[in-house]
Amino acid sequence: MPSEVTRFELVVGVRRAVCTRPGHGPRRRLIEYPTGSGSNVTLDVVAADFWKRLVSLFLVDQDGRRPCFGGVQRMQTDPRWRDNLLFHEYFHGDTGAGLGASHQTGWTGLVADVIRRRHRTHPKASEVIQRLVRGEETA
């Protein structure tokens, strides 16, 4: 299983390929995904699945647990802790449990932006910066 950093970079690359190859847009190029499945899908479907898998580390599953919290019961069940996400340095490849430093957001802080973009609840960071440069309100 690739590291989450590798997965993030892979998704960005796939999305870039979908958006920049003339004549090879997301509805034209089919690839087998997952490998060996016999199922052919477009690159935008692959990228969406990668994003979904990345974000799923932080979401509550059908058992009411977040994979990123692993076996830490306080984080899984205590109402004062269970909604305070930690953006660990890396994650266990099989369980999704957060490992390494949790006091630095690093690349995993990008997951918040991925969630925001998928649900379109806030303007893009570039739009906010452009408004600030023009001296406009950002709220």
N, C-alpha and C. Protein backbone atom coordinates (compact mmCIF):
# COMPACT_ATOMS: atom_id res chain seq x y z
N MET A 1 0.86 -1.17 0.00
CA MET A 1 0.00 0.00 0.00
C MET A 1 0.91 1.24 0.00
N PRO A 2 0.65 2.20 -0.88
CA PRO A 2 1.51 3.38 -0.92
C PRO A 2 1.31 4.24 0.31
N SER A 3 2.34 5.01 0.64
CA SER A 3 2.19 5.93 1.76
C SER A 3 1.15 6.98 1.40
N GLU A 4 0.61 7.66 2.41
CA GLU A 4 -0.42 8.66 2.14
C GLU A 4 0.15 9.83 1.35
N VAL A 5 1.43 10.15 1.57
CA VAL A 5 2.04 11.22 0.79
C VAL A 5 2.06 10.82 -0.68
N THR A 6 2.47 9.58 -0.95
CA THR A 6 2.51 9.10 -2.32
C THR A 6 1.12 9.10 -2.92
N ARG A 7 0.13 8.66 -2.15
CA ARG A 7 -1.24 8.63 -2.65
C ARG A 7 -1.72 10.04 -2.97
N PHE A 8 -1.43 10.99 -2.10
CA PHE A 8 -1.85 12.37 -2.35
C PHE A 8 -1.22 12.89 -3.64
N GLU A 9 0.08 12.66 -3.80
CA GLU A 9 0.77 13.11 -5.01
C GLU A 9 0.22 12.41 -6.25
N LEU A 10 -0.13 11.14 -6.11
CA LEU A 10 -0.70 10.39 -7.22
C LEU A 10 -2.03 10.99 -7.65
N VAL A 11 -2.88 11.31 -6.69
CA VAL A 11 -4.18 11.90 -7.01
C VAL A 11 -4.01 13.24 -7.70
N VAL A 12 -3.11 14.05 -7.19
CA VAL A 12 -2.86 15.35 -7.82
C VAL A 12 -2.40 15.15 -9.26
N GLY A 13 -1.52 14.18 -9.48
CA GLY A 13 -1.04 13.90 -10.83
C GLY A 13 -2.14 13.42 -11.75
N VAL A 14 -3.00 12.54 -11.26
CA VAL A 14 -4.11 12.04 -12.07
C VAL A 14 -5.06 13.18 -12.41
N ARG A 15 -5.39 14.00 -11.41
CA ARG A 15 -6.28 15.14 -11.66
C ARG A 15 -5.66 16.09 -12.69
N ARG A 16 -4.36 16.31 -12.58
CA ARG A 16 -3.68 17.20 -13.53
C ARG A 16 -3.75 16.60 -14.93
N ALA A 17 -3.54 15.28 -15.05
CA ALA A 17 -3.60 14.63 -16.36
C ALA A 17 -5.00 14.73 -16.95
N VAL A 18 -6.00 14.59 -16.11
CA VAL A 18 -7.38 14.68 -16.57
C VAL A 18 -7.66 16.07 -17.12
N CYS A 19 -7.12 17.07 -16.48
CA CYS A 19 -7.43 18.46 -16.84
C CYS A 19 -6.57 19.01 -17.96
N THR A 20 -5.40 18.42 -18.24
CA THR A 20 -4.47 19.09 -19.14
C THR A 20 -4.21 18.37 -20.46
N ARG A 21 -4.70 17.16 -20.65
CA ARG A 21 -4.42 16.44 -21.89
C ARG A 21 -5.55 16.65 -22.89
N PRO A 22 -5.33 17.49 -23.91
CA PRO A 22 -6.38 17.73 -24.89
C PRO A 22 -6.78 16.42 -25.58
N GLY A 23 -8.08 16.23 -25.72
CA GLY A 23 -8.56 15.02 -26.38
C GLY A 23 -8.53 13.78 -25.51
N HIS A 24 -8.00 13.91 -24.31
CA HIS A 24 -7.93 12.77 -23.40
C HIS A 24 -8.58 13.13 -22.07
N GLY A 25 -9.71 13.83 -22.16
CA GLY A 25 -10.40 14.26 -20.96
C GLY A 25 -10.90 13.09 -20.14
N PRO A 26 -11.52 13.37 -19.02
CA PRO A 26 -11.94 12.33 -18.08
C PRO A 26 -12.95 11.35 -18.67
N ARG A 27 -13.66 11.71 -19.72
CA ARG A 27 -14.66 10.81 -20.29
C ARG A 27 -14.11 9.99 -21.45
N ARG A 28 -12.86 10.17 -21.82
CA ARG A 28 -12.32 9.49 -22.98
C ARG A 28 -11.33 8.38 -22.65
N ARG A 29 -10.49 8.60 -21.70
CA ARG A 29 -9.42 7.65 -21.38
C ARG A 29 -9.90 6.66 -20.34
N LEU A 30 -9.99 5.37 -20.72
CA LEU A 30 -10.41 4.33 -19.79
C LEU A 30 -9.20 3.52 -19.35
N ILE A 31 -9.17 3.19 -18.08
CA ILE A 31 -8.14 2.30 -17.55
C ILE A 31 -8.82 1.26 -16.67
N GLU A 32 -8.14 0.14 -16.50
CA GLU A 32 -8.67 -0.90 -15.63
C GLU A 32 -8.41 -0.50 -14.18
N TYR A 33 -9.47 -0.42 -13.41
CA TYR A 33 -9.34 -0.02 -12.00
C TYR A 33 -10.44 -0.66 -11.19
N PRO A 34 -10.08 -1.28 -10.09
CA PRO A 34 -8.73 -1.61 -9.64
C PRO A 34 -8.07 -2.62 -10.58
N THR A 35 -6.77 -2.64 -10.55
CA THR A 35 -6.01 -3.54 -11.40
C THR A 35 -6.48 -4.97 -11.19
N GLY A 36 -6.71 -5.66 -12.29
CA GLY A 36 -7.15 -7.04 -12.23
C GLY A 36 -8.64 -7.23 -12.05
N SER A 37 -9.40 -6.14 -11.95
CA SER A 37 -10.84 -6.24 -11.70
C SER A 37 -11.66 -6.48 -12.96
N GLY A 38 -11.08 -6.13 -14.13
CA GLY A 38 -11.84 -6.21 -15.37
C GLY A 38 -12.78 -5.03 -15.56
N SER A 39 -12.76 -4.10 -14.63
CA SER A 39 -13.63 -2.92 -14.69
C SER A 39 -12.85 -1.76 -15.29
N ASN A 40 -13.38 -1.15 -16.34
CA ASN A 40 -12.73 -0.01 -16.97
C ASN A 40 -13.46 1.26 -16.59
N VAL A 41 -12.70 2.23 -16.07
CA VAL A 41 -13.27 3.50 -15.63
C VAL A 41 -12.41 4.65 -16.15
N THR A 42 -12.95 5.85 -16.05
CA THR A 42 -12.20 7.03 -16.49
C THR A 42 -11.28 7.51 -15.38
N LEU A 43 -10.31 8.35 -15.74
CA LEU A 43 -9.34 8.85 -14.77
C LEU A 43 -9.99 9.69 -13.68
N ASP A 44 -11.06 10.41 -14.01
CA ASP A 44 -11.71 11.19 -12.96
C ASP A 44 -12.36 10.29 -11.91
N VAL A 45 -12.82 9.12 -12.31
CA VAL A 45 -13.37 8.16 -11.36
C VAL A 45 -12.27 7.62 -10.45
N VAL A 46 -11.09 7.34 -11.04
CA VAL A 46 -9.94 6.87 -10.26
C VAL A 46 -9.53 7.93 -9.25
N ALA A 47 -9.40 9.17 -9.69
CA ALA A 47 -8.99 10.25 -8.79
C ALA A 47 -10.01 10.43 -7.67
N ALA A 48 -11.30 10.38 -7.98
CA ALA A 48 -12.33 10.52 -6.95
C ALA A 48 -12.23 9.40 -5.92
N ASP A 49 -11.94 8.18 -6.38
CA ASP A 49 -11.79 7.06 -5.44
C ASP A 49 -10.56 7.25 -4.56
N PHE A 50 -9.47 7.73 -5.13
CA PHE A 50 -8.27 8.00 -4.32
C PHE A 50 -8.56 9.03 -3.24
N TRP A 51 -9.25 10.12 -3.62
CA TRP A 51 -9.60 11.15 -2.63
C TRP A 51 -10.47 10.54 -1.53
N LYS A 52 -11.47 9.74 -1.95
CA LYS A 52 -12.37 9.12 -0.98
C LYS A 52 -11.59 8.25 0.01
N ARG A 53 -10.64 7.48 -0.49
CA ARG A 53 -9.85 6.62 0.39
C ARG A 53 -8.98 7.44 1.34
N LEU A 54 -8.40 8.50 0.86
CA LEU A 54 -7.57 9.35 1.69
C LEU A 54 -8.40 10.00 2.81
N VAL A 55 -9.53 10.55 2.44
CA VAL A 55 -10.39 11.22 3.42
C VAL A 55 -10.98 10.23 4.42
N SER A 56 -11.22 8.99 3.97
CA SER A 56 -11.85 7.99 4.84
C SER A 56 -11.05 7.69 6.09
N LEU A 57 -9.76 7.99 6.09
CA LEU A 57 -8.95 7.79 7.30
C LEU A 57 -9.47 8.62 8.46
N PHE A 58 -10.13 9.73 8.16
CA PHE A 58 -10.56 10.68 9.19
C PHE A 58 -12.06 10.63 9.47
N LEU A 59 -12.81 9.85 8.71
CA LEU A 59 -14.25 9.79 8.86
C LEU A 59 -14.67 8.68 9.82
N VAL A 60 -15.80 8.86 10.47
CA VAL A 60 -16.35 7.84 11.35
C VAL A 60 -16.89 6.71 10.47
N ASP A 61 -16.49 5.46 10.77
CA ASP A 61 -16.94 4.32 9.98
C ASP A 61 -18.26 3.77 10.51
N GLN A 62 -18.71 2.65 9.95
CA GLN A 62 -20.00 2.06 10.34
C GLN A 62 -20.02 1.61 11.80
N ASP A 63 -18.85 1.42 12.41
CA ASP A 63 -18.77 1.02 13.82
C ASP A 63 -18.62 2.22 14.76
N GLY A 64 -18.68 3.44 14.19
CA GLY A 64 -18.56 4.64 15.00
C GLY A 64 -17.12 4.99 15.37
N ARG A 65 -16.17 4.45 14.64
CA ARG A 65 -14.74 4.66 14.93
C ARG A 65 -14.07 5.34 13.74
N ARG A 66 -13.03 6.10 14.05
CA ARG A 66 -12.22 6.73 13.00
C ARG A 66 -10.93 5.92 12.85
N PRO A 67 -10.60 5.46 11.64
CA PRO A 67 -9.37 4.69 11.46
C PRO A 67 -8.12 5.44 11.94
N CYS A 68 -8.09 6.75 11.79
CA CYS A 68 -6.89 7.51 12.17
C CYS A 68 -6.60 7.44 13.67
N PHE A 69 -7.61 7.12 14.49
CA PHE A 69 -7.40 7.03 15.93
C PHE A 69 -6.91 5.66 16.38
N GLY A 70 -6.92 4.68 15.48
CA GLY A 70 -6.44 3.35 15.82
C GLY A 70 -7.13 2.79 17.04
N GLY A 71 -6.33 2.23 17.96
CA GLY A 71 -6.87 1.61 19.16
C GLY A 71 -6.91 2.52 20.37
N VAL A 72 -6.76 3.81 20.19
CA VAL A 72 -6.77 4.75 21.32
C VAL A 72 -8.23 5.00 21.71
N GLN A 73 -8.67 4.34 22.77
CA GLN A 73 -10.08 4.38 23.17
C GLN A 73 -10.56 5.78 23.52
N ARG A 74 -9.74 6.56 24.17
CA ARG A 74 -10.15 7.92 24.53
C ARG A 74 -10.51 8.72 23.28
N MET A 75 -9.69 8.59 22.26
CA MET A 75 -9.96 9.33 21.02
C MET A 75 -11.19 8.77 20.29
N GLN A 76 -11.42 7.49 20.42
CA GLN A 76 -12.54 6.85 19.73
C GLN A 76 -13.88 7.11 20.41
N THR A 77 -13.90 7.18 21.74
CA THR A 77 -15.19 7.17 22.44
C THR A 77 -15.49 8.39 23.30
N ASP A 78 -14.48 9.07 23.81
CA ASP A 78 -14.71 10.21 24.71
C ASP A 78 -15.27 11.40 23.92
N PRO A 79 -16.45 11.89 24.27
CA PRO A 79 -17.05 12.99 23.52
C PRO A 79 -16.20 14.26 23.52
N ARG A 80 -15.31 14.40 24.50
CA ARG A 80 -14.44 15.59 24.54
C ARG A 80 -13.25 15.45 23.59
N TRP A 81 -13.00 14.24 23.09
CA TRP A 81 -11.84 14.00 22.24
C TRP A 81 -12.19 13.49 20.84
N ARG A 82 -13.28 12.77 20.68
CA ARG A 82 -13.52 12.02 19.45
C ARG A 82 -13.67 12.87 18.18
N ASP A 83 -13.98 14.15 18.31
CA ASP A 83 -14.11 15.00 17.12
C ASP A 83 -12.91 15.93 16.93
N ASN A 84 -11.86 15.72 17.70
CA ASN A 84 -10.63 16.50 17.56
C ASN A 84 -9.64 15.70 16.73
N LEU A 85 -9.61 15.98 15.45
CA LEU A 85 -8.76 15.21 14.55
C LEU A 85 -7.29 15.57 14.72
N LEU A 86 -6.47 14.55 14.65
CA LEU A 86 -5.02 14.73 14.65
C LEU A 86 -4.51 14.40 13.26
N PHE A 87 -3.65 15.23 12.74
CA PHE A 87 -3.08 14.99 11.42
C PHE A 87 -1.68 14.43 11.59
N HIS A 88 -1.61 13.12 11.70
CA HIS A 88 -0.35 12.44 11.94
C HIS A 88 0.59 12.53 10.75
N GLU A 89 1.83 12.21 11.04
CA GLU A 89 2.89 12.24 10.04
C GLU A 89 2.66 11.18 8.95
N TYR A 90 2.23 10.00 9.36
CA TYR A 90 1.90 8.94 8.42
C TYR A 90 0.91 7.99 9.07
N PHE A 91 0.44 6.99 8.31
CA PHE A 91 -0.63 6.12 8.78
C PHE A 91 -0.30 4.67 8.50
N HIS A 92 -0.81 3.79 9.35
CA HIS A 92 -0.61 2.35 9.20
C HIS A 92 -1.27 1.90 7.90
N GLY A 93 -0.57 1.14 7.09
CA GLY A 93 -1.07 0.74 5.78
C GLY A 93 -2.28 -0.17 5.80
N ASP A 94 -2.47 -0.93 6.87
CA ASP A 94 -3.60 -1.85 6.94
C ASP A 94 -4.76 -1.31 7.76
N THR A 95 -4.46 -0.65 8.86
CA THR A 95 -5.52 -0.20 9.77
C THR A 95 -5.89 1.27 9.60
N GLY A 96 -4.98 2.06 9.06
CA GLY A 96 -5.22 3.50 8.92
C GLY A 96 -4.90 4.28 10.18
N ALA A 97 -4.41 3.60 11.23
CA ALA A 97 -4.09 4.28 12.48
C ALA A 97 -2.99 5.31 12.27
N GLY A 98 -3.17 6.49 12.86
CA GLY A 98 -2.17 7.55 12.76
C GLY A 98 -0.90 7.16 13.50
N LEU A 99 0.23 7.40 12.88
CA LEU A 99 1.53 7.08 13.46
C LEU A 99 2.45 8.28 13.31
N GLY A 100 3.50 8.30 14.07
CA GLY A 100 4.46 9.40 13.96
C GLY A 100 3.93 10.66 14.62
N ALA A 101 4.58 11.75 14.30
CA ALA A 101 4.27 13.03 14.93
C ALA A 101 2.81 13.43 14.67
N SER A 102 2.15 13.92 15.72
CA SER A 102 0.79 14.41 15.55
C SER A 102 0.70 15.90 15.90
N HIS A 103 1.83 16.50 16.21
CA HIS A 103 1.83 17.91 16.59
C HIS A 103 2.15 18.83 15.42
N GLN A 104 2.38 18.24 14.25
CA GLN A 104 2.63 19.03 13.05
C GLN A 104 1.62 18.59 12.01
N THR A 105 1.00 19.52 11.34
CA THR A 105 0.02 19.07 10.36
C THR A 105 0.72 18.58 9.11
N GLY A 106 1.77 19.26 8.66
CA GLY A 106 2.48 18.83 7.46
C GLY A 106 1.54 18.58 6.31
N TRP A 107 1.82 17.56 5.53
CA TRP A 107 1.02 17.27 4.34
C TRP A 107 -0.40 16.85 4.70
N THR A 108 -0.61 16.21 5.87
CA THR A 108 -1.94 15.71 6.18
C THR A 108 -2.94 16.84 6.41
N GLY A 109 -2.45 18.02 6.70
CA GLY A 109 -3.35 19.16 6.80
C GLY A 109 -4.06 19.44 5.49
N LEU A 110 -3.50 18.92 4.38
CA LEU A 110 -4.13 19.08 3.08
C LEU A 110 -5.46 18.34 2.99
N VAL A 111 -5.64 17.34 3.84
CA VAL A 111 -6.90 16.59 3.84
C VAL A 111 -8.07 17.53 4.12
N ALA A 112 -7.88 18.48 5.01
CA ALA A 112 -8.94 19.45 5.30
C ALA A 112 -9.32 20.20 4.03
N ASP A 113 -8.34 20.56 3.22
CA ASP A 113 -8.62 21.25 1.96
C ASP A 113 -9.33 20.33 0.97
N VAL A 114 -8.94 19.06 0.95
CA VAL A 114 -9.60 18.10 0.07
C VAL A 114 -11.08 17.99 0.44
N ILE A 115 -11.38 17.87 1.73
CA ILE A 115 -12.76 17.78 2.19
C ILE A 115 -13.53 19.05 1.80
N ARG A 116 -12.91 20.19 2.05
CA ARG A 116 -13.55 21.47 1.73
C ARG A 116 -13.86 21.57 0.24
N ARG A 117 -12.92 21.19 -0.59
CA ARG A 117 -13.13 21.28 -2.04
C ARG A 117 -14.20 20.30 -2.52
N ARG A 118 -14.19 19.09 -1.97
CA ARG A 118 -15.18 18.09 -2.39
C ARG A 118 -16.60 18.54 -2.07
N HIS A 119 -16.75 19.22 -0.96
CA HIS A 119 -18.09 19.63 -0.55
C HIS A 119 -18.40 21.07 -0.90
N ARG A 120 -17.41 21.76 -1.45
CA ARG A 120 -17.58 23.14 -1.91
C ARG A 120 -18.25 24.04 -0.87
N THR A 121 -17.80 23.90 0.38
CA THR A 121 -18.41 24.69 1.44
C THR A 121 -17.72 26.02 1.65
N HIS A 122 -16.53 26.17 1.11
CA HIS A 122 -15.78 27.41 1.28
C HIS A 122 -15.11 27.76 -0.04
N PRO A 123 -14.80 29.03 -0.23
CA PRO A 123 -14.09 29.40 -1.46
C PRO A 123 -12.68 28.81 -1.47
N LYS A 124 -12.14 28.65 -2.66
CA LYS A 124 -10.77 28.17 -2.80
C LYS A 124 -9.82 29.15 -2.14
N ALA A 125 -8.69 28.64 -1.64
CA ALA A 125 -7.70 29.49 -0.99
C ALA A 125 -7.23 30.58 -1.96
N SER A 126 -7.08 30.22 -3.25
CA SER A 126 -6.62 31.22 -4.23
C SER A 126 -7.63 32.36 -4.37
N GLU A 127 -8.93 32.04 -4.26
CA GLU A 127 -9.95 33.08 -4.34
C GLU A 127 -9.87 34.02 -3.14
N VAL A 128 -9.64 33.46 -1.96
CA VAL A 128 -9.51 34.28 -0.75
C VAL A 128 -8.30 35.20 -0.88
N ILE A 129 -7.17 34.67 -1.36
CA ILE A 129 -5.95 35.46 -1.51
C ILE A 129 -6.18 36.59 -2.51
N GLN A 130 -6.85 36.29 -3.62
CA GLN A 130 -7.13 37.32 -4.62
C GLN A 130 -7.99 38.43 -4.03
N ARG A 131 -8.98 38.07 -3.22
CA ARG A 131 -9.82 39.08 -2.58
C ARG A 131 -9.01 39.93 -1.61
N LEU A 132 -8.11 39.30 -0.87
CA LEU A 132 -7.27 40.06 0.06
C LEU A 132 -6.37 41.04 -0.68
N VAL A 133 -5.80 40.59 -1.80
CA VAL A 133 -4.93 41.46 -2.60
C VAL A 133 -5.72 42.66 -3.12
N ARG A 134 -6.98 42.45 -3.49
CA ARG A 134 -7.81 43.54 -3.99
C ARG A 134 -8.37 44.39 -2.88
N GLY A 135 -8.16 43.97 -1.61
CA GLY A 135 -8.64 44.74 -0.47
C GLY A 135 -10.09 44.49 -0.15
N GLU A 136 -10.64 43.39 -0.64
CA GLU A 136 -12.05 43.08 -0.40
C GLU A 136 -12.21 42.26 0.88
N GLU A 137 -13.41 42.23 1.41
CA GLU A 137 -13.72 41.39 2.57
C GLU A 137 -13.66 39.94 2.15
N THR A 138 -13.22 39.07 3.03
CA THR A 138 -13.14 37.64 2.70
C THR A 138 -14.21 36.83 3.39
N ALA A 139 -14.98 37.41 4.27
CA ALA A 139 -16.00 36.65 5.01
C ALA A 139 -17.27 36.50 4.21
